[in-house]
C-alpha cells in the first residue's frame, strides 16, 4: 500500500479506527472522515506513528451529499489520487416496528447506512477508475439473517449488498468491490450505542447484550487486519467472525430453521429486555456524539 491513498469514513472509533491503523501499518496515506474532530485528531496521530506518511482528517456528515463531495475533493486536492474508498460509517437501531412511536424517526438509518455509502462512491468513481482502485463496503451479517429488533438496520445493510453487487457489474474491470458481512465486532454499537424506538440516540449496554445473546464479540483490531488483508488480495466478500458463514448457508438451504431460532431468541429476549427497561440503564448521547 506504499504510495497509495485510502479514504475511510466513520474512522473516529471502532472498526473504522482500526482499519485506519492497519492501512497505516502497510504504509498507505490516509484520509479519515467522521463528525468528531477531537477523535479524528487522535486517530491521525496514531496512524502517523504506525507508519502512514501523511494523514488528512476531515470532519463531515456522510448523510449530507455536499459534505461527501467536499471530502472526496479534499482528498484529491491534497494527494492527487485515490486508491481505496472504505465506506464504513454507520448507525445501529434497536426497535420492533410496532414499538416505534414515530416511524419517520428511522429515516437517518437509511440516510447514513445507505446513502452515506452511495454519495462518496458517486464522487469517488472517476478518481478510482484512474488508479484501478477498490471500494470497500461495510454491510452486515444482519443483512443476510432476520435478527429480531434490528429490522431497520438490517434493511439498510441489505440495500448495500444489492446496490454494490450491481455496481460490481457496472464498474468492472476498472474498480473492484469488497463487501463486508460482519457479525459482532468490538465497536460503539456492541457497547450499546443505538437509535431507539423514540428516534433518539442512546447508549444501553445491557439492552444490546440481550440482543447479542451471549455471542462472542471479535476484536476490532483482529477483524480490521483480516479485512485489509482480504481487500488487498481482491476478495469479493469478507465475513468476520468466519463462523457466521454456516448460518448464511443454512438460511439459503433451510430458512424456516433460522426463522424458528430467531423467534426463540426473541421470546427469550422479551423478559430480559423488560428487566433492562425497568432498571433504567439507558443513557442519552450528547448531540455532538450522535453519529
C-alpha atoms as a PDB file:
ATOM      1  CA  UNK A   1       0.000   0.000   0.000  1.00  0.00           C
ATOM      2  CA  UNK A   2       3.003   2.345  -0.072  1.00  0.00           C
ATOM      3  CA  UNK A   3       2.318   5.312  -2.313  1.00  0.00           C
ATOM      4  CA  UNK A   4      -1.415   4.659  -2.274  1.00  0.00           C
ATOM      5  CA  UNK A   5      -4.211   6.727  -0.749  1.00  0.00           C
ATOM      6  CA  UNK A   6      -7.098   5.323   1.294  1.00  0.00           C
ATOM      7  CA  UNK A   7     -10.233   7.245   2.304  1.00  0.00           C
ATOM      8  CA  UNK A   8     -12.121   5.832   5.307  1.00  0.00           C
ATOM      9  CA  UNK A   9     -15.468   7.094   6.593  1.00  0.00           C
ATOM     10  CA  UNK A  10     -16.570   6.541  10.187  1.00  0.00           C
ATOM     11  CA  UNK A  11     -12.895   6.499  11.176  1.00  0.00           C
ATOM     12  CA  UNK A  12     -13.117   8.082  14.622  1.00  0.00           C
ATOM     13  CA  UNK A  13     -13.715   4.830  16.530  1.00  0.00           C
ATOM     14  CA  UNK A  14     -14.361   1.090  16.316  1.00  0.00           C
ATOM     15  CA  UNK A  15     -13.753  -0.750  13.058  1.00  0.00           C
ATOM     16  CA  UNK A  16     -13.055   2.430  11.083  1.00  0.00           C
ATOM     17  CA  UNK A  17     -10.345   3.493  13.510  1.00  0.00           C
ATOM     18  CA  UNK A  18      -8.669   0.084  13.407  1.00  0.00           C
ATOM     19  CA  UNK A  19      -8.895  -0.050   9.609  1.00  0.00           C
ATOM     20  CA  UNK A  20      -7.002   3.247   9.536  1.00  0.00           C
ATOM     21  CA  UNK A  21      -4.275   1.744  11.717  1.00  0.00           C
ATOM     22  CA  UNK A  22      -3.984  -1.388   9.556  1.00  0.00           C
ATOM     23  CA  UNK A  23      -3.658   0.646   6.376  1.00  0.00           C
ATOM     24  CA  UNK A  24      -1.110   2.846   8.166  1.00  0.00           C
ATOM     25  CA  UNK A  25       0.960  -0.223   9.050  1.00  0.00           C
ATOM     26  CA  UNK A  26       1.023  -1.060   5.343  1.00  0.00           C
ATOM     27  CA  UNK A  27       2.382   2.402   4.514  1.00  0.00           C
ATOM     28  CA  UNK A  28      -0.744   3.954   2.965  1.00  0.00           C
ATOM     29  CA  UNK A  29      -1.555   7.651   3.103  1.00  0.00           C
ATOM     30  CA  UNK A  30      -4.932   8.252   4.701  1.00  0.00           C
ATOM     31  CA  UNK A  31      -7.972  10.470   4.505  1.00  0.00           C
ATOM     32  CA  UNK A  32     -10.083   9.806   7.594  1.00  0.00           C
ATOM     33  CA  UNK A  33     -13.619  11.138   7.866  1.00  0.00           C
ATOM     34  CA  UNK A  34     -16.070  11.408  10.780  1.00  0.00           C
ATOM     35  CA  UNK A  35     -18.046  14.017  12.702  1.00  0.00           C
ATOM     36  CA  UNK A  36     -15.910  14.133  15.860  1.00  0.00           C
ATOM     37  CA  UNK A  37     -12.834  16.289  15.284  1.00  0.00           C
ATOM     38  CA  UNK A  38     -11.091  15.507  18.583  1.00  0.00           C
ATOM     39  CA  UNK A  39     -11.332  11.784  17.936  1.00  0.00           C
ATOM     40  CA  UNK A  40     -10.107  12.191  14.363  1.00  0.00           C
ATOM     41  CA  UNK A  41      -7.046  14.116  15.553  1.00  0.00           C
ATOM     42  CA  UNK A  42      -6.109  11.274  17.898  1.00  0.00           C
ATOM     43  CA  UNK A  43      -6.586   8.650  15.191  1.00  0.00           C
ATOM     44  CA  UNK A  44      -4.476  10.698  12.771  1.00  0.00           C
ATOM     45  CA  UNK A  45      -1.629  10.993  15.282  1.00  0.00           C
ATOM     46  CA  UNK A  46      -1.630   7.256  15.988  1.00  0.00           C
ATOM     47  CA  UNK A  47      -1.786   6.404  12.272  1.00  0.00           C
ATOM     48  CA  UNK A  48       1.288   8.527  11.603  1.00  0.00           C
ATOM     49  CA  UNK A  49       3.135   6.784  14.421  1.00  0.00           C
ATOM     50  CA  UNK A  50       2.227   3.400  12.917  1.00  0.00           C
ATOM     51  CA  UNK A  51       3.732   4.250   9.539  1.00  0.00           C
ATOM     52  CA  UNK A  52       1.348   6.331   7.461  1.00  0.00           C
ATOM     53  CA  UNK A  53       3.412   9.016   5.654  1.00  0.00           C
ATOM     54  CA  UNK A  54       0.541  11.503   5.598  1.00  0.00           C
ATOM     55  CA  UNK A  55      -2.904  11.651   7.191  1.00  0.00           C
ATOM     56  CA  UNK A  56      -5.606  14.156   6.295  1.00  0.00           C
ATOM     57  CA  UNK A  57      -8.644  14.272   8.580  1.00  0.00           C
ATOM     58  CA  UNK A  58     -11.932  15.835   7.516  1.00  0.00           C
ATOM     59  CA  UNK A  59     -14.975  16.492   9.697  1.00  0.00           C
ATOM     60  CA  UNK A  60     -18.074  15.625   7.703  1.00  0.00           C
ATOM     61  CA  UNK A  61     -21.522  14.031   7.804  1.00  0.00           C
ATOM     62  CA  UNK A  62     -21.859  11.195   5.275  1.00  0.00           C
ATOM     63  CA  UNK A  63     -25.628  11.675   5.097  1.00  0.00           C
ATOM     64  CA  UNK A  64     -25.001  15.132   3.602  1.00  0.00           C
ATOM     65  CA  UNK A  65     -24.257  14.934  -0.122  1.00  0.00           C
ATOM     66  CA  UNK A  66     -22.352  18.237  -0.135  1.00  0.00           C
ATOM     67  CA  UNK A  67     -20.113  17.030   2.690  1.00  0.00           C
ATOM     68  CA  UNK A  68     -19.358  13.860   0.737  1.00  0.00           C
ATOM     69  CA  UNK A  69     -18.342  15.795  -2.359  1.00  0.00           C
ATOM     70  CA  UNK A  70     -16.209  18.049  -0.184  1.00  0.00           C
ATOM     71  CA  UNK A  71     -14.174  15.328   1.498  1.00  0.00           C
ATOM     72  CA  UNK A  72     -13.568  13.478  -1.776  1.00  0.00           C
ATOM     73  CA  UNK A  73     -12.455  16.745  -3.366  1.00  0.00           C
ATOM     74  CA  UNK A  74     -10.186  17.494  -0.405  1.00  0.00           C
ATOM     75  CA  UNK A  75      -8.613  14.058  -0.729  1.00  0.00           C
ATOM     76  CA  UNK A  76      -7.838  14.619  -4.416  1.00  0.00           C
ATOM     77  CA  UNK A  77      -6.638  18.192  -3.879  1.00  0.00           C
ATOM     78  CA  UNK A  78      -4.280  17.053  -1.121  1.00  0.00           C
ATOM     79  CA  UNK A  79      -2.957  13.769  -2.545  1.00  0.00           C
ATOM     80  CA  UNK A  80      -3.814  13.939  -6.236  1.00  0.00           C
ATOM     81  CA  UNK A  81      -5.172  10.368  -6.284  1.00  0.00           C
ATOM     82  CA  UNK A  82      -7.450   7.877  -4.554  1.00  0.00           C
ATOM     83  CA  UNK A  83      -6.860   4.096  -4.448  1.00  0.00           C
ATOM     84  CA  UNK A  84      -9.246   2.678  -1.828  1.00  0.00           C
ATOM     85  CA  UNK A  85     -12.596   4.071  -0.694  1.00  0.00           C
ATOM     86  CA  UNK A  86     -13.676   2.410   2.561  1.00  0.00           C
ATOM     87  CA  UNK A  87     -17.342   3.093   3.284  1.00  0.00           C
ATOM     88  CA  UNK A  88     -17.545   2.280   6.978  1.00  0.00           C
ATOM     89  CA  UNK A  89     -19.760   4.909   8.650  1.00  0.00           C
ATOM     90  CA  UNK A  90     -22.973   3.539  10.094  1.00  0.00           C
ATOM     91  CA  UNK A  91     -25.589   3.719  12.811  1.00  0.00           C
ATOM     92  CA  UNK A  92     -27.440   0.951  14.624  1.00  0.00           C
ATOM     93  CA  UNK A  93     -31.129   0.851  15.538  1.00  0.00           C
ATOM     94  CA  UNK A  94     -32.822  -1.488  18.016  1.00  0.00           C
ATOM     95  CA  UNK A  95     -36.597  -1.475  17.831  1.00  0.00           C
ATOM     96  CA  UNK A  96     -39.533  -3.596  16.702  1.00  0.00           C
ATOM     97  CA  UNK A  97     -41.608  -1.717  14.130  1.00  0.00           C
ATOM     98  CA  UNK A  98     -44.738  -1.965  16.292  1.00  0.00           C
ATOM     99  CA  UNK A  99     -42.869  -0.289  19.156  1.00  0.00           C
ATOM    100  CA  UNK A 100     -41.806   2.749  17.108  1.00  0.00           C
ATOM    101  CA  UNK A 101     -43.503   5.922  18.326  1.00  0.00           C
ATOM    102  CA  UNK A 102     -42.800   7.804  15.073  1.00  0.00           C
ATOM    103  CA  UNK A 103     -41.793   5.748  12.060  1.00  0.00           C
ATOM    104  CA  UNK A 104     -40.216   8.748  10.337  1.00  0.00           C
ATOM    105  CA  UNK A 105     -37.576   8.897  13.097  1.00  0.00           C
ATOM    106  CA  UNK A 106     -35.817   5.967  11.418  1.00  0.00           C
ATOM    107  CA  UNK A 107     -35.048   7.833   8.192  1.00  0.00           C
ATOM    108  CA  UNK A 108     -31.478   8.571   9.446  1.00  0.00           C
ATOM    109  CA  UNK A 109     -30.736   4.838   9.447  1.00  0.00           C
ATOM    110  CA  UNK A 110     -31.096   4.717   5.665  1.00  0.00           C
ATOM    111  CA  UNK A 111     -29.570   8.180   5.204  1.00  0.00           C
ATOM    112  CA  UNK A 112     -26.366   7.159   6.974  1.00  0.00           C
ATOM    113  CA  UNK A 113     -26.101   3.428   6.291  1.00  0.00           C
ATOM    114  CA  UNK A 114     -27.153   3.502   2.631  1.00  0.00           C
ATOM    115  CA  UNK A 115     -26.868   6.995   1.172  1.00  0.00           C
ATOM    116  CA  UNK A 116     -23.806   7.610   3.325  1.00  0.00           C
ATOM    117  CA  UNK A 117     -22.134   4.915   1.195  1.00  0.00           C
ATOM    118  CA  UNK A 118     -23.623   5.872  -2.159  1.00  0.00           C
ATOM    119  CA  UNK A 119     -22.741   9.576  -2.039  1.00  0.00           C
ATOM    120  CA  UNK A 120     -18.964   9.117  -1.510  1.00  0.00           C
ATOM    121  CA  UNK A 121     -18.926   6.307  -4.059  1.00  0.00           C
ATOM    122  CA  UNK A 122     -20.531   8.508  -6.706  1.00  0.00           C
ATOM    123  CA  UNK A 123     -17.957  11.259  -6.279  1.00  0.00           C
ATOM    124  CA  UNK A 124     -15.011   8.869  -5.951  1.00  0.00           C
ATOM    125  CA  UNK A 125     -15.681   6.735  -9.054  1.00  0.00           C
ATOM    126  CA  UNK A 126     -13.844   8.949 -11.597  1.00  0.00           C
ATOM    127  CA  UNK A 127     -10.739   9.012  -9.394  1.00  0.00           C
ATOM    128  CA  UNK A 128     -10.834   5.291  -8.573  1.00  0.00           C
ATOM    129  CA  UNK A 129     -11.060   4.457 -12.276  1.00  0.00           C
ATOM    130  CA  UNK A 130      -7.762   6.251 -12.871  1.00  0.00           C
ATOM    131  CA  UNK A 131      -5.974   4.079 -10.304  1.00  0.00           C
ATOM    132  CA  UNK A 132      -7.962   0.862 -10.899  1.00  0.00           C
ATOM    133  CA  UNK A 133      -8.904   1.210  -7.263  1.00  0.00           C
ATOM    134  CA  UNK A 134     -11.119  -0.577  -4.804  1.00  0.00           C
ATOM    135  CA  UNK A 135     -14.350   0.140  -2.943  1.00  0.00           C
ATOM    136  CA  UNK A 136     -14.909  -1.474   0.466  1.00  0.00           C
ATOM    137  CA  UNK A 137     -18.481  -1.596   1.764  1.00  0.00           C
ATOM    138  CA  UNK A 138     -19.283  -2.359   5.392  1.00  0.00           C
ATOM    139  CA  UNK A 139     -22.572  -4.229   5.234  1.00  0.00           C
ATOM    140  CA  UNK A 140     -23.513  -6.688   7.987  1.00  0.00           C
ATOM    141  CA  UNK A 141     -24.319 -10.310   8.742  1.00  0.00           C
ATOM    142  CA  UNK A 142     -27.708  -8.898   9.738  1.00  0.00           C
ATOM    143  CA  UNK A 143     -28.366  -8.179   6.056  1.00  0.00           C
ATOM    144  CA  UNK A 144     -28.440 -11.921   5.367  1.00  0.00           C
ATOM    145  CA  UNK A 145     -30.190 -13.055   8.554  1.00  0.00           C
ATOM    146  CA  UNK A 146     -33.514 -11.995  10.188  1.00  0.00           C
ATOM    147  CA  UNK A 147     -32.412 -10.675  13.598  1.00  0.00           C
ATOM    148  CA  UNK A 148     -35.314  -9.522  15.824  1.00  0.00           C
ATOM    149  CA  UNK A 149     -35.424  -5.800  16.655  1.00  0.00           C
ATOM    150  CA  UNK A 150     -32.823  -4.955  14.007  1.00  0.00           C
ATOM    151  CA  UNK A 151     -35.178  -4.709  11.026  1.00  0.00           C
ATOM    152  CA  UNK A 152     -34.389  -1.110  10.054  1.00  0.00           C
ATOM    153  CA  UNK A 153     -30.655  -1.642  10.461  1.00  0.00           C
ATOM    154  CA  UNK A 154     -30.712  -4.959   8.590  1.00  0.00           C
ATOM    155  CA  UNK A 155     -32.735  -3.462   5.729  1.00  0.00           C
ATOM    156  CA  UNK A 156     -30.264  -0.609   5.276  1.00  0.00           C
ATOM    157  CA  UNK A 157     -27.364  -3.074   5.190  1.00  0.00           C
ATOM    158  CA  UNK A 158     -29.175  -5.416   2.782  1.00  0.00           C
ATOM    159  CA  UNK A 159     -29.683  -2.461   0.439  1.00  0.00           C
ATOM    160  CA  UNK A 160     -25.905  -2.038   0.362  1.00  0.00           C
ATOM    161  CA  UNK A 161     -25.347  -5.610  -0.795  1.00  0.00           C
ATOM    162  CA  UNK A 162     -27.876  -5.269  -3.609  1.00  0.00           C
ATOM    163  CA  UNK A 163     -26.519  -1.896  -4.715  1.00  0.00           C
ATOM    164  CA  UNK A 164     -22.844  -2.825  -4.700  1.00  0.00           C
ATOM    165  CA  UNK A 165     -23.353  -6.196  -6.349  1.00  0.00           C
ATOM    166  CA  UNK A 166     -24.857  -4.225  -9.227  1.00  0.00           C
ATOM    167  CA  UNK A 167     -22.006  -1.708  -9.072  1.00  0.00           C
ATOM    168  CA  UNK A 168     -19.547  -4.614  -9.272  1.00  0.00           C
ATOM    169  CA  UNK A 169     -21.004  -5.423 -12.704  1.00  0.00           C
ATOM    170  CA  UNK A 170     -21.209  -1.807 -13.859  1.00  0.00           C
ATOM    171  CA  UNK A 171     -17.720  -0.764 -12.743  1.00  0.00           C
ATOM    172  CA  UNK A 172     -15.728  -3.895 -13.663  1.00  0.00           C
ATOM    173  CA  UNK A 173     -12.932  -4.225 -14.551  1.00  0.00           C
ATOM    174  CA  UNK A 174     -11.849  -0.684 -13.663  1.00  0.00           C
ATOM    175  CA  UNK A 175     -12.909  -0.822  -9.996  1.00  0.00           C
ATOM    176  CA  UNK A 176     -13.172  -3.878  -7.732  1.00  0.00           C
ATOM    177  CA  UNK A 177     -15.567  -4.094  -4.798  1.00  0.00           C
ATOM    178  CA  UNK A 178     -15.311  -5.923  -1.482  1.00  0.00           C
ATOM    179  CA  UNK A 179     -18.470  -6.315   0.616  1.00  0.00           C
ATOM    180  CA  UNK A 180     -18.076  -6.909   4.359  1.00  0.00           C
ATOM    181  CA  UNK A 181     -20.716  -9.023   6.106  1.00  0.00           C
ATOM    182  CA  UNK A 182     -19.558  -8.670   9.680  1.00  0.00           C
ATOM    183  CA  UNK A 183     -21.032 -10.105  12.852  1.00  0.00           C
ATOM    184  CA  UNK A 184     -20.478  -8.754  16.341  1.00  0.00           C
ATOM    185  CA  UNK A 185     -17.259  -6.711  16.199  1.00  0.00           C
ATOM    186  CA  UNK A 186     -15.990  -4.564  19.067  1.00  0.00           C
ATOM    187  CA  UNK A 187     -17.319  -1.035  18.472  1.00  0.00           C
ATOM    188  CA  UNK A 188     -19.587   1.637  19.912  1.00  0.00           C
ATOM    189  CA  UNK A 189     -22.538  -0.389  18.582  1.00  0.00           C
ATOM    190  CA  UNK A 190     -21.655  -3.504  20.572  1.00  0.00           C
ATOM    191  CA  UNK A 191     -21.130  -1.233  23.583  1.00  0.00           C
ATOM    192  CA  UNK A 192     -24.764  -0.184  23.384  1.00  0.00           C
ATOM    193  CA  UNK A 193     -24.981   2.852  21.106  1.00  0.00           C
ATOM    194  CA  UNK A 194     -28.168   2.716  19.017  1.00  0.00           C
ATOM    195  CA  UNK A 195     -31.211   4.572  17.727  1.00  0.00           C
ATOM    196  CA  UNK A 196     -34.162   3.826  19.997  1.00  0.00           C
ATOM    197  CA  UNK A 197     -37.862   3.428  19.192  1.00  0.00           C
ATOM    198  CA  UNK A 198     -38.308   7.097  20.074  1.00  0.00           C
ATOM    199  CA  UNK A 199     -35.775   8.125  17.428  1.00  0.00           C
ATOM    200  CA  UNK A 200     -33.151   9.130  19.996  1.00  0.00           C
ATOM    201  CA  UNK A 201     -29.531   8.021  20.043  1.00  0.00           C
ATOM    202  CA  UNK A 202     -28.963   6.150  23.302  1.00  0.00           C
ATOM    203  CA  UNK A 203     -26.283   4.075  24.963  1.00  0.00           C
ATOM    204  CA  UNK A 204     -27.594   0.977  26.711  1.00  0.00           C
ATOM    205  CA  UNK A 205     -25.020  -1.792  27.073  1.00  0.00           C
ATOM    206  CA  UNK A 206     -27.441  -4.118  28.875  1.00  0.00           C
ATOM    207  CA  UNK A 207     -30.055  -3.914  26.105  1.00  0.00           C
ATOM    208  CA  UNK A 208     -27.545  -4.660  23.338  1.00  0.00           C
ATOM    209  CA  UNK A 209     -26.089  -7.508  25.410  1.00  0.00           C
ATOM    210  CA  UNK A 210     -29.551  -9.084  25.366  1.00  0.00           C
ATOM    211  CA  UNK A 211     -29.682  -8.710  21.577  1.00  0.00           C
ATOM    212  CA  UNK A 212     -26.245 -10.347  21.260  1.00  0.00           C
ATOM    213  CA  UNK A 213     -27.489 -13.365  23.251  1.00  0.00           C
ATOM    214  CA  UNK A 214     -24.050 -14.198  24.540  1.00  0.00           C
ATOM    215  CA  UNK A 215     -22.409 -14.456  21.118  1.00  0.00           C
ATOM    216  CA  UNK A 216     -18.685 -13.634  21.337  1.00  0.00           C
ATOM    217  CA  UNK A 217     -17.548 -10.214  20.146  1.00  0.00           C
ATOM    218  CA  UNK A 218     -14.500 -10.148  17.881  1.00  0.00           C
ATOM    219  CA  UNK A 219     -11.708  -7.663  18.497  1.00  0.00           C
ATOM    220  CA  UNK A 220     -11.906  -4.703  16.117  1.00  0.00           C
ATOM    221  CA  UNK A 221      -8.147  -4.847  15.576  1.00  0.00           C
ATOM    222  CA  UNK A 222      -8.229  -8.542  14.656  1.00  0.00           C
ATOM    223  CA  UNK A 223     -11.137  -8.031  12.286  1.00  0.00           C
ATOM    224  CA  UNK A 224      -9.509  -4.952  10.716  1.00  0.00           C
ATOM    225  CA  UNK A 225      -6.341  -6.874   9.916  1.00  0.00           C
ATOM    226  CA  UNK A 226      -8.342  -9.679   8.302  1.00  0.00           C
ATOM    227  CA  UNK A 227     -10.387  -7.150   6.324  1.00  0.00           C
ATOM    228  CA  UNK A 228      -7.441  -5.145   4.969  1.00  0.00           C
ATOM    229  CA  UNK A 229      -5.534  -8.305   4.034  1.00  0.00           C
ATOM    230  CA  UNK A 230      -8.597  -9.633   2.190  1.00  0.00           C
ATOM    231  CA  UNK A 231      -9.185  -6.332   0.391  1.00  0.00           C
ATOM    232  CA  UNK A 232      -5.564  -6.234  -0.764  1.00  0.00           C
ATOM    233  CA  UNK A 233      -5.972  -9.786  -2.092  1.00  0.00           C
ATOM    234  CA  UNK A 234      -9.026  -8.636  -4.042  1.00  0.00           C
ATOM    235  CA  UNK A 235     -11.604 -10.803  -2.282  1.00  0.00           C
ATOM    236  CA  UNK A 236     -15.230 -10.102  -3.170  1.00  0.00           C
ATOM    237  CA  UNK A 237     -16.709 -10.799   0.280  1.00  0.00           C
ATOM    238  CA  UNK A 238     -15.301 -10.806   3.798  1.00  0.00           C
ATOM    239  CA  UNK A 239     -17.160 -12.371   6.738  1.00  0.00           C
ATOM    240  CA  UNK A 240     -15.780 -11.954  10.254  1.00  0.00           C
ATOM    241  CA  UNK A 241     -16.033 -13.840  12.535  1.00  0.00           C
ATOM    242  CA  UNK A 242     -15.892 -16.657   9.994  1.00  0.00           C
ATOM    243  CA  UNK A 243     -18.249 -18.900  11.968  1.00  0.00           C
ATOM    244  CA  UNK A 244     -21.148 -16.797  10.621  1.00  0.00           C
ATOM    245  CA  UNK A 245     -20.743 -18.432   7.217  1.00  0.00           C
ATOM    246  CA  UNK A 246     -22.613 -21.661   8.102  1.00  0.00           C
ATOM    247  CA  UNK A 247     -25.582 -19.531   9.198  1.00  0.00           C
ATOM    248  CA  UNK A 248     -25.678 -17.913   5.745  1.00  0.00           C
ATOM    249  CA  UNK A 249     -25.647 -21.341   4.095  1.00  0.00           C
ATOM    250  CA  UNK A 250     -28.342 -22.632   6.437  1.00  0.00           C
ATOM    251  CA  UNK A 251     -30.509 -19.584   5.695  1.00  0.00           C
ATOM    252  CA  UNK A 252     -30.329 -20.417   1.977  1.00  0.00           C
ATOM    253  CA  UNK A 253     -30.978 -24.135   2.457  1.00  0.00           C
ATOM    254  CA  UNK A 254     -33.498 -24.088   5.310  1.00  0.00           C
ATOM    255  CA  UNK A 255     -34.797 -20.576   6.072  1.00  0.00           C
ATOM    256  CA  UNK A 256     -37.551 -21.935   8.330  1.00  0.00           C
ATOM    257  CA  UNK A 257     -34.959 -23.244  10.773  1.00  0.00           C
ATOM    258  CA  UNK A 258     -33.236 -19.857  11.033  1.00  0.00           C
ATOM    259  CA  UNK A 259     -36.601 -18.138  11.481  1.00  0.00           C
ATOM    260  CA  UNK A 260     -37.549 -20.592  14.239  1.00  0.00           C
ATOM    261  CA  UNK A 261     -34.257 -19.906  16.004  1.00  0.00           C
ATOM    262  CA  UNK A 262     -34.739 -16.134  15.759  1.00  0.00           C
ATOM    263  CA  UNK A 263     -38.305 -16.404  17.111  1.00  0.00           C
ATOM    264  CA  UNK A 264     -36.951 -18.421  20.020  1.00  0.00           C
ATOM    265  CA  UNK A 265     -34.327 -15.778  20.677  1.00  0.00           C
ATOM    266  CA  UNK A 266     -36.974 -13.046  20.546  1.00  0.00           C
ATOM    267  CA  UNK A 267     -39.207 -14.921  23.013  1.00  0.00           C
ATOM    268  CA  UNK A 268     -36.280 -15.290  25.426  1.00  0.00           C
ATOM    269  CA  UNK A 269     -35.280 -11.653  24.950  1.00  0.00           C
ATOM    270  CA  UNK A 270     -38.665 -10.182  25.887  1.00  0.00           C
ATOM    271  CA  UNK A 271     -38.325 -10.833  29.595  1.00  0.00           C
ATOM    272  CA  UNK A 272     -34.685  -9.783  29.606  1.00  0.00           C
ATOM    273  CA  UNK A 273     -35.449  -6.520  27.792  1.00  0.00           C
ATOM    274  CA  UNK A 274     -38.291  -5.832  30.249  1.00  0.00           C
ATOM    275  CA  UNK A 275     -35.790  -6.212  33.076  1.00  0.00           C
ATOM    276  CA  UNK A 276     -33.407  -3.817  31.308  1.00  0.00           C
ATOM    277  CA  UNK A 277     -36.163  -1.244  30.782  1.00  0.00           C
ATOM    278  CA  UNK A 278     -37.142  -1.486  34.445  1.00  0.00           C
ATOM    279  CA  UNK A 279     -33.567  -0.903  35.559  1.00  0.00           C
ATOM    280  CA  UNK A 280     -33.439   2.459  33.782  1.00  0.00           C
ATOM    281  CA  UNK A 281     -29.988   1.807  32.370  1.00  0.00           C
ATOM    282  CA  UNK A 282     -30.495   3.801  29.186  1.00  0.00           C
ATOM    283  CA  UNK A 283     -28.417   6.928  28.753  1.00  0.00           C
ATOM    284  CA  UNK A 284     -28.802   9.696  26.178  1.00  0.00           C
ATOM    285  CA  UNK A 285     -25.902  10.659  23.952  1.00  0.00           C
ATOM    286  CA  UNK A 286     -24.962  14.349  23.696  1.00  0.00           C
ATOM    287  CA  UNK A 287     -25.842  15.854  20.265  1.00  0.00           C
ATOM    288  CA  UNK A 288     -22.153  16.240  19.343  1.00  0.00           C
ATOM    289  CA  UNK A 289     -21.628  12.498  19.868  1.00  0.00           C
ATOM    290  CA  UNK A 290     -24.622  11.217  17.970  1.00  0.00           C
ATOM    291  CA  UNK A 291     -23.075   9.642  14.885  1.00  0.00           C
END
